[in-house]
Amino acid sequence: MNMTTTVSIISLLLLSFVVFLTTLVEVTTCTQGSLDVWLVSLFVFVPAIVGLSGVALIGRARRLFVRWFTLPVLLALPLSSYHVVRYIIGINLKGEHPCSIATGTDFESFPLEPWVPYWAPIHFSALAFCSWVVIQFWFGKRKG
């Protein structure tokens, strides 16, 4: 096993953890309609998902071996995608406050930050890129 394979495996394992962490955005108190956890996830989780997905691609040359390490990512992706799609529907289509979606209580009197409508689509784009990377390990053309 060479260095690129090792780096790819480590990035895939970290990627599965970070993809799962996107679901934990709902573990918040939403005190006074605070959107801090969503903002942090936008600046921490999205770059981590995109970066780790990109780094994982270096192991495509040994994809027959490395692809088995995409299974934890495959398990986390549907759960994270479900949560993100819930927010796309709630925020972008229904105009709800993120805390209303997370807690089920009324937060509509609290103002929304200008970045809120972009939160779910940006996360969805990062998860779509991550999905594309996983597909490359299973069905993409072999490099090298």
N, C-alpha and C. Protein backbone atom coordinates (compact mmCIF):
# COMPACT_ATOMS: atom_id res chain seq x y z
N MET A 1 0.86 -1.18 0.00
CA MET A 1 0.00 0.00 0.00
C MET A 1 0.90 1.23 0.00
N ASN A 2 0.65 2.12 -0.95
CA ASN A 2 1.48 3.31 -1.05
C ASN A 2 0.84 4.49 -0.31
N MET A 3 1.53 5.62 -0.34
CA MET A 3 1.08 6.79 0.41
C MET A 3 -0.25 7.34 -0.11
N THR A 4 -0.44 7.37 -1.43
CA THR A 4 -1.69 7.92 -1.96
C THR A 4 -2.89 7.07 -1.55
N THR A 5 -2.70 5.77 -1.49
CA THR A 5 -3.78 4.89 -1.05
C THR A 5 -4.11 5.15 0.41
N THR A 6 -3.09 5.31 1.22
CA THR A 6 -3.29 5.57 2.65
C THR A 6 -4.01 6.89 2.87
N VAL A 7 -3.58 7.92 2.16
CA VAL A 7 -4.21 9.23 2.29
C VAL A 7 -5.66 9.16 1.83
N SER A 8 -5.91 8.45 0.77
CA SER A 8 -7.28 8.30 0.26
C SER A 8 -8.17 7.58 1.27
N ILE A 9 -7.66 6.54 1.87
CA ILE A 9 -8.44 5.79 2.86
C ILE A 9 -8.74 6.65 4.08
N ILE A 10 -7.74 7.36 4.57
CA ILE A 10 -7.95 8.22 5.74
C ILE A 10 -8.95 9.32 5.42
N SER A 11 -8.84 9.91 4.23
CA SER A 11 -9.78 10.98 3.87
C SER A 11 -11.21 10.43 3.73
N LEU A 12 -11.36 9.22 3.22
CA LEU A 12 -12.70 8.63 3.12
C LEU A 12 -13.30 8.35 4.49
N LEU A 13 -12.49 7.89 5.41
CA LEU A 13 -13.00 7.63 6.76
C LEU A 13 -13.38 8.94 7.46
N LEU A 14 -12.54 9.97 7.30
CA LEU A 14 -12.88 11.28 7.86
C LEU A 14 -14.10 11.87 7.18
N LEU A 15 -14.20 11.64 5.88
CA LEU A 15 -15.34 12.14 5.11
C LEU A 15 -16.64 11.54 5.62
N SER A 16 -16.65 10.26 5.91
CA SER A 16 -17.88 9.64 6.43
C SER A 16 -18.29 10.28 7.75
N PHE A 17 -17.31 10.62 8.57
CA PHE A 17 -17.59 11.27 9.86
C PHE A 17 -18.15 12.68 9.65
N VAL A 18 -17.55 13.44 8.76
CA VAL A 18 -17.99 14.82 8.52
C VAL A 18 -19.37 14.83 7.85
N VAL A 19 -19.61 13.93 6.92
CA VAL A 19 -20.93 13.85 6.28
C VAL A 19 -21.99 13.54 7.33
N PHE A 20 -21.69 12.65 8.26
CA PHE A 20 -22.64 12.35 9.33
C PHE A 20 -22.84 13.57 10.23
N LEU A 21 -21.78 14.33 10.48
CA LEU A 21 -21.89 15.50 11.36
C LEU A 21 -22.86 16.55 10.82
N THR A 22 -23.08 16.58 9.52
CA THR A 22 -24.03 17.57 8.99
C THR A 22 -25.44 17.35 9.52
N THR A 23 -25.74 16.14 9.96
CA THR A 23 -27.07 15.89 10.53
C THR A 23 -27.18 16.46 11.94
N LEU A 24 -26.05 16.71 12.58
CA LEU A 24 -26.09 17.19 13.96
C LEU A 24 -26.37 18.67 14.07
N VAL A 25 -26.57 19.33 12.94
CA VAL A 25 -26.91 20.76 12.98
C VAL A 25 -28.23 20.96 13.73
N GLU A 26 -29.05 19.94 13.76
CA GLU A 26 -30.33 20.03 14.46
C GLU A 26 -30.19 19.90 15.97
N VAL A 27 -29.03 19.52 16.45
CA VAL A 27 -28.82 19.39 17.89
C VAL A 27 -28.41 20.77 18.41
N THR A 28 -29.40 21.61 18.54
CA THR A 28 -29.17 22.98 18.98
C THR A 28 -30.37 23.43 19.79
N THR A 29 -30.14 24.41 20.62
CA THR A 29 -31.25 24.91 21.42
C THR A 29 -32.04 25.99 20.70
N CYS A 30 -31.45 26.58 19.67
CA CYS A 30 -32.10 27.68 18.93
C CYS A 30 -32.50 28.81 19.88
N THR A 31 -31.67 29.09 20.86
CA THR A 31 -31.96 30.16 21.81
C THR A 31 -32.09 31.48 21.07
N GLN A 32 -33.21 32.11 21.24
CA GLN A 32 -33.51 33.39 20.59
C GLN A 32 -33.36 33.32 19.07
N GLY A 33 -33.61 32.15 18.50
CA GLY A 33 -33.53 32.00 17.05
C GLY A 33 -32.11 32.03 16.52
N SER A 34 -31.15 31.69 17.35
CA SER A 34 -29.74 31.74 16.96
C SER A 34 -29.44 30.78 15.81
N LEU A 35 -28.75 31.29 14.81
CA LEU A 35 -28.40 30.49 13.64
C LEU A 35 -26.90 30.18 13.59
N ASP A 36 -26.23 30.31 14.72
CA ASP A 36 -24.78 30.13 14.76
C ASP A 36 -24.34 28.75 14.29
N VAL A 37 -25.06 27.71 14.71
CA VAL A 37 -24.66 26.35 14.35
C VAL A 37 -24.77 26.13 12.84
N TRP A 38 -25.74 26.75 12.20
CA TRP A 38 -25.88 26.62 10.75
C TRP A 38 -24.75 27.37 10.03
N LEU A 39 -24.39 28.53 10.56
CA LEU A 39 -23.31 29.29 9.95
C LEU A 39 -21.98 28.56 10.10
N VAL A 40 -21.74 27.99 11.28
CA VAL A 40 -20.51 27.22 11.49
C VAL A 40 -20.47 26.03 10.55
N SER A 41 -21.58 25.36 10.37
CA SER A 41 -21.59 24.19 9.49
C SER A 41 -21.30 24.60 8.05
N LEU A 42 -21.72 25.79 7.68
CA LEU A 42 -21.46 26.29 6.33
C LEU A 42 -19.98 26.55 6.09
N PHE A 43 -19.30 27.05 7.12
CA PHE A 43 -17.88 27.38 6.97
C PHE A 43 -16.93 26.28 7.41
N VAL A 44 -17.45 25.23 8.05
CA VAL A 44 -16.59 24.12 8.48
C VAL A 44 -16.91 22.84 7.72
N PHE A 45 -18.17 22.41 7.74
CA PHE A 45 -18.52 21.13 7.13
C PHE A 45 -18.44 21.13 5.61
N VAL A 46 -18.92 22.19 4.97
CA VAL A 46 -18.91 22.22 3.50
C VAL A 46 -17.48 22.19 2.96
N PRO A 47 -16.56 23.05 3.45
CA PRO A 47 -15.19 22.94 2.95
C PRO A 47 -14.54 21.59 3.28
N ALA A 48 -14.88 21.03 4.44
CA ALA A 48 -14.33 19.73 4.81
C ALA A 48 -14.84 18.64 3.87
N ILE A 49 -16.12 18.66 3.54
CA ILE A 49 -16.68 17.66 2.63
C ILE A 49 -16.05 17.77 1.25
N VAL A 50 -15.96 18.98 0.74
CA VAL A 50 -15.39 19.18 -0.59
C VAL A 50 -13.90 18.84 -0.59
N GLY A 51 -13.18 19.29 0.40
CA GLY A 51 -11.74 19.03 0.48
C GLY A 51 -11.41 17.55 0.64
N LEU A 52 -12.09 16.89 1.58
CA LEU A 52 -11.83 15.47 1.80
C LEU A 52 -12.26 14.63 0.60
N SER A 53 -13.34 15.04 -0.08
CA SER A 53 -13.76 14.33 -1.29
C SER A 53 -12.69 14.45 -2.37
N GLY A 54 -12.15 15.65 -2.52
CA GLY A 54 -11.09 15.86 -3.51
C GLY A 54 -9.84 15.07 -3.20
N VAL A 55 -9.46 15.04 -1.93
CA VAL A 55 -8.27 14.28 -1.53
C VAL A 55 -8.51 12.78 -1.73
N ALA A 56 -9.72 12.32 -1.47
CA ALA A 56 -10.02 10.90 -1.64
C ALA A 56 -9.84 10.45 -3.08
N LEU A 57 -10.04 11.35 -4.02
CA LEU A 57 -9.92 10.99 -5.43
C LEU A 57 -8.53 10.53 -5.83
N ILE A 58 -7.52 10.88 -5.05
CA ILE A 58 -6.16 10.47 -5.44
C ILE A 58 -5.99 8.96 -5.33
N GLY A 59 -6.88 8.28 -4.65
CA GLY A 59 -6.80 6.83 -4.52
C GLY A 59 -7.55 6.08 -5.59
N ARG A 60 -8.03 6.78 -6.60
CA ARG A 60 -8.81 6.10 -7.65
C ARG A 60 -7.98 5.08 -8.43
N ALA A 61 -6.68 5.26 -8.49
CA ALA A 61 -5.85 4.31 -9.23
C ALA A 61 -5.96 2.91 -8.61
N ARG A 62 -6.15 2.85 -7.31
CA ARG A 62 -6.31 1.57 -6.62
C ARG A 62 -7.75 1.41 -6.14
N ARG A 63 -8.67 1.82 -7.00
CA ARG A 63 -10.06 1.89 -6.57
C ARG A 63 -10.65 0.56 -6.18
N LEU A 64 -10.16 -0.56 -6.72
CA LEU A 64 -10.71 -1.86 -6.35
C LEU A 64 -10.51 -2.15 -4.87
N PHE A 65 -9.40 -1.66 -4.32
CA PHE A 65 -9.14 -1.84 -2.89
C PHE A 65 -9.77 -0.72 -2.07
N VAL A 66 -9.59 0.51 -2.52
CA VAL A 66 -10.01 1.68 -1.75
C VAL A 66 -11.53 1.82 -1.71
N ARG A 67 -12.21 1.35 -2.74
CA ARG A 67 -13.66 1.58 -2.80
C ARG A 67 -14.42 1.00 -1.62
N TRP A 68 -13.89 -0.02 -0.97
CA TRP A 68 -14.59 -0.58 0.19
C TRP A 68 -14.62 0.39 1.35
N PHE A 69 -13.71 1.35 1.34
CA PHE A 69 -13.70 2.37 2.39
C PHE A 69 -14.71 3.48 2.12
N THR A 70 -15.41 3.41 0.98
CA THR A 70 -16.49 4.35 0.71
C THR A 70 -17.80 3.90 1.35
N LEU A 71 -17.87 2.68 1.84
CA LEU A 71 -19.13 2.18 2.41
C LEU A 71 -19.62 3.02 3.60
N PRO A 72 -18.74 3.45 4.53
CA PRO A 72 -19.25 4.33 5.60
C PRO A 72 -19.81 5.65 5.04
N VAL A 73 -19.20 6.15 3.98
CA VAL A 73 -19.72 7.37 3.35
C VAL A 73 -21.09 7.09 2.74
N LEU A 74 -21.22 5.94 2.11
CA LEU A 74 -22.50 5.55 1.51
C LEU A 74 -23.60 5.41 2.56
N LEU A 75 -23.24 5.03 3.76
CA LEU A 75 -24.22 4.93 4.83
C LEU A 75 -24.63 6.31 5.36
N ALA A 76 -23.69 7.24 5.39
CA ALA A 76 -23.96 8.57 5.94
C ALA A 76 -24.65 9.49 4.93
N LEU A 77 -24.40 9.29 3.64
CA LEU A 77 -24.95 10.19 2.62
C LEU A 77 -26.48 10.26 2.59
N PRO A 78 -27.20 9.14 2.62
CA PRO A 78 -28.67 9.26 2.59
C PRO A 78 -29.25 10.01 3.79
N LEU A 79 -28.69 9.78 4.96
CA LEU A 79 -29.17 10.47 6.16
C LEU A 79 -28.92 11.97 6.06
N SER A 80 -27.73 12.36 5.67
CA SER A 80 -27.41 13.78 5.52
C SER A 80 -28.23 14.41 4.41
N SER A 81 -28.38 13.71 3.31
CA SER A 81 -29.17 14.24 2.20
C SER A 81 -30.62 14.45 2.60
N TYR A 82 -31.16 13.53 3.37
CA TYR A 82 -32.53 13.67 3.86
C TYR A 82 -32.68 14.96 4.68
N HIS A 83 -31.74 15.20 5.58
CA HIS A 83 -31.81 16.41 6.42
C HIS A 83 -31.67 17.67 5.58
N VAL A 84 -30.76 17.67 4.65
CA VAL A 84 -30.55 18.85 3.82
C VAL A 84 -31.77 19.11 2.94
N VAL A 85 -32.35 18.07 2.38
CA VAL A 85 -33.54 18.26 1.54
C VAL A 85 -34.70 18.78 2.38
N ARG A 86 -34.81 18.35 3.62
CA ARG A 86 -35.83 18.89 4.52
C ARG A 86 -35.69 20.40 4.67
N TYR A 87 -34.44 20.86 4.77
CA TYR A 87 -34.20 22.29 4.91
C TYR A 87 -34.40 23.03 3.58
N ILE A 88 -34.11 22.39 2.46
CA ILE A 88 -34.40 23.02 1.17
C ILE A 88 -35.90 23.25 1.05
N ILE A 89 -36.67 22.23 1.39
CA ILE A 89 -38.13 22.36 1.31
C ILE A 89 -38.64 23.40 2.32
N GLY A 90 -38.15 23.32 3.54
CA GLY A 90 -38.63 24.22 4.59
C GLY A 90 -38.21 25.67 4.39
N ILE A 91 -36.94 25.90 4.13
CA ILE A 91 -36.44 27.27 4.02
C ILE A 91 -36.73 27.86 2.65
N ASN A 92 -36.34 27.14 1.60
CA ASN A 92 -36.40 27.71 0.27
C ASN A 92 -37.79 27.66 -0.36
N LEU A 93 -38.57 26.65 -0.05
CA LEU A 93 -39.89 26.54 -0.66
C LEU A 93 -41.01 27.07 0.24
N LYS A 94 -40.90 26.83 1.54
CA LYS A 94 -41.96 27.26 2.45
C LYS A 94 -41.63 28.56 3.19
N GLY A 95 -40.37 28.99 3.16
CA GLY A 95 -39.99 30.23 3.83
C GLY A 95 -39.91 30.14 5.34
N GLU A 96 -39.66 28.95 5.87
CA GLU A 96 -39.60 28.76 7.33
C GLU A 96 -38.23 29.12 7.88
N HIS A 97 -38.21 29.39 9.16
CA HIS A 97 -36.96 29.63 9.89
C HIS A 97 -36.29 28.28 10.15
N PRO A 98 -34.97 28.17 10.04
CA PRO A 98 -34.31 26.87 10.31
C PRO A 98 -34.63 26.30 11.69
N CYS A 99 -34.76 27.16 12.69
CA CYS A 99 -35.09 26.66 14.02
C CYS A 99 -36.50 26.08 14.07
N SER A 100 -37.40 26.60 13.26
CA SER A 100 -38.75 26.03 13.18
C SER A 100 -38.70 24.62 12.63
N ILE A 101 -37.84 24.40 11.66
CA ILE A 101 -37.71 23.07 11.07
C ILE A 101 -37.05 22.12 12.07
N ALA A 102 -36.02 22.60 12.76
CA ALA A 102 -35.26 21.75 13.68
C ALA A 102 -36.05 21.39 14.93
N THR A 103 -36.77 22.35 15.48
CA THR A 103 -37.43 22.09 16.76
C THR A 103 -38.93 21.86 16.66
N GLY A 104 -39.52 22.25 15.55
CA GLY A 104 -40.96 22.10 15.39
C GLY A 104 -41.76 23.18 16.07
N THR A 105 -41.10 24.20 16.61
CA THR A 105 -41.80 25.32 17.25
C THR A 105 -41.72 26.55 16.35
N ASP A 106 -42.49 27.56 16.71
CA ASP A 106 -42.60 28.75 15.86
C ASP A 106 -41.45 29.73 16.14
N PHE A 107 -40.64 29.96 15.13
CA PHE A 107 -39.55 30.94 15.20
C PHE A 107 -39.72 31.99 14.10
N GLU A 108 -40.89 32.07 13.54
CA GLU A 108 -41.10 32.94 12.38
C GLU A 108 -40.97 34.42 12.72
N SER A 109 -41.08 34.79 14.01
CA SER A 109 -40.95 36.20 14.38
C SER A 109 -39.49 36.65 14.41
N PHE A 110 -38.56 35.69 14.38
CA PHE A 110 -37.14 36.03 14.38
C PHE A 110 -36.66 36.29 12.96
N PRO A 111 -35.84 37.31 12.77
CA PRO A 111 -35.39 37.64 11.41
C PRO A 111 -34.40 36.60 10.89
N LEU A 112 -34.40 36.43 9.58
CA LEU A 112 -33.45 35.52 8.94
C LEU A 112 -32.25 36.30 8.45
N GLU A 113 -31.10 35.69 8.58
CA GLU A 113 -29.88 36.28 8.04
C GLU A 113 -29.92 36.14 6.52
N PRO A 114 -29.21 37.00 5.79
CA PRO A 114 -29.25 36.94 4.32
C PRO A 114 -28.69 35.64 3.73
N TRP A 115 -27.83 34.94 4.46
CA TRP A 115 -27.20 33.73 3.94
C TRP A 115 -28.07 32.49 4.12
N VAL A 116 -29.10 32.55 4.91
CA VAL A 116 -29.91 31.37 5.26
C VAL A 116 -30.49 30.66 4.04
N PRO A 117 -31.04 31.37 3.04
CA PRO A 117 -31.59 30.63 1.89
C PRO A 117 -30.54 29.85 1.10
N TYR A 118 -29.28 30.17 1.29
CA TYR A 118 -28.22 29.47 0.56
C TYR A 118 -27.65 28.28 1.32
N TRP A 119 -28.00 28.16 2.60
CA TRP A 119 -27.39 27.12 3.43
C TRP A 119 -27.65 25.73 2.88
N ALA A 120 -28.89 25.37 2.68
CA ALA A 120 -29.22 24.01 2.24
C ALA A 120 -28.75 23.73 0.81
N PRO A 121 -28.93 24.64 -0.15
CA PRO A 121 -28.41 24.34 -1.49
C PRO A 121 -26.89 24.17 -1.55
N ILE A 122 -26.17 24.94 -0.73
CA ILE A 122 -24.71 24.79 -0.70
C ILE A 122 -24.34 23.44 -0.11
N HIS A 123 -24.99 23.05 0.97
CA HIS A 123 -24.75 21.73 1.56
C HIS A 123 -25.12 20.62 0.58
N PHE A 124 -26.23 20.80 -0.10
CA PHE A 124 -26.66 19.79 -1.07
C PHE A 124 -25.63 19.64 -2.19
N SER A 125 -25.08 20.75 -2.64
CA SER A 125 -24.04 20.71 -3.68
C SER A 125 -22.80 19.97 -3.20
N ALA A 126 -22.40 20.21 -1.96
CA ALA A 126 -21.23 19.52 -1.40
C ALA A 126 -21.51 18.01 -1.29
N LEU A 127 -22.72 17.65 -0.87
CA LEU A 127 -23.07 16.23 -0.77
C LEU A 127 -23.17 15.59 -2.15
N ALA A 128 -23.61 16.35 -3.15
CA ALA A 128 -23.67 15.83 -4.52
C ALA A 128 -22.26 15.56 -5.05
N PHE A 129 -21.32 16.46 -4.76
CA PHE A 129 -19.93 16.24 -5.16
C PHE A 129 -19.36 15.01 -4.45
N CYS A 130 -19.66 14.88 -3.17
CA CYS A 130 -19.21 13.71 -2.41
C CYS A 130 -19.80 12.43 -3.01
N SER A 131 -21.05 12.47 -3.41
CA SER A 131 -21.69 11.30 -4.04
C SER A 131 -21.00 10.97 -5.36
N TRP A 132 -20.67 11.99 -6.13
CA TRP A 132 -19.98 11.78 -7.40
C TRP A 132 -18.62 11.11 -7.16
N VAL A 133 -17.92 11.53 -6.13
CA VAL A 133 -16.62 10.92 -5.81
C VAL A 133 -16.81 9.45 -5.47
N VAL A 134 -17.80 9.13 -4.66
CA VAL A 134 -18.05 7.73 -4.29
C VAL A 134 -18.40 6.91 -5.53
N ILE A 135 -19.20 7.47 -6.41
CA ILE A 135 -19.56 6.77 -7.65
C ILE A 135 -18.31 6.50 -8.49
N GLN A 136 -17.36 7.42 -8.48
CA GLN A 136 -16.13 7.23 -9.25
C GLN A 136 -15.35 6.01 -8.77
N PHE A 137 -15.41 5.74 -7.49
CA PHE A 137 -14.71 4.57 -6.97
C PHE A 137 -15.37 3.27 -7.40
N TRP A 138 -16.67 3.29 -7.59
CA TRP A 138 -17.38 2.07 -7.94
C TRP A 138 -17.58 1.89 -9.44
N PHE A 139 -17.81 2.98 -10.16
CA PHE A 139 -18.16 2.86 -11.57
C PHE A 139 -17.31 3.70 -12.52
N GLY A 140 -16.45 4.56 -11.98
CA GLY A 140 -15.65 5.43 -12.84
C GLY A 140 -14.54 4.69 -13.55
N LYS A 141 -13.99 5.33 -14.57
CA LYS A 141 -12.87 4.75 -15.28
C LYS A 141 -11.63 4.77 -14.41
N ARG A 142 -10.86 3.75 -14.49
CA ARG A 142 -9.67 3.63 -13.66
C ARG A 142 -8.57 4.52 -14.23
N LYS A 143 -7.93 5.29 -13.34
CA LYS A 143 -6.79 6.12 -13.75
C LYS A 143 -5.51 5.33 -13.56
N GLY A 144 -4.56 5.60 -14.39
CA GLY A 144 -3.23 5.01 -14.20
C GLY A 144 -3.00 3.70 -14.87
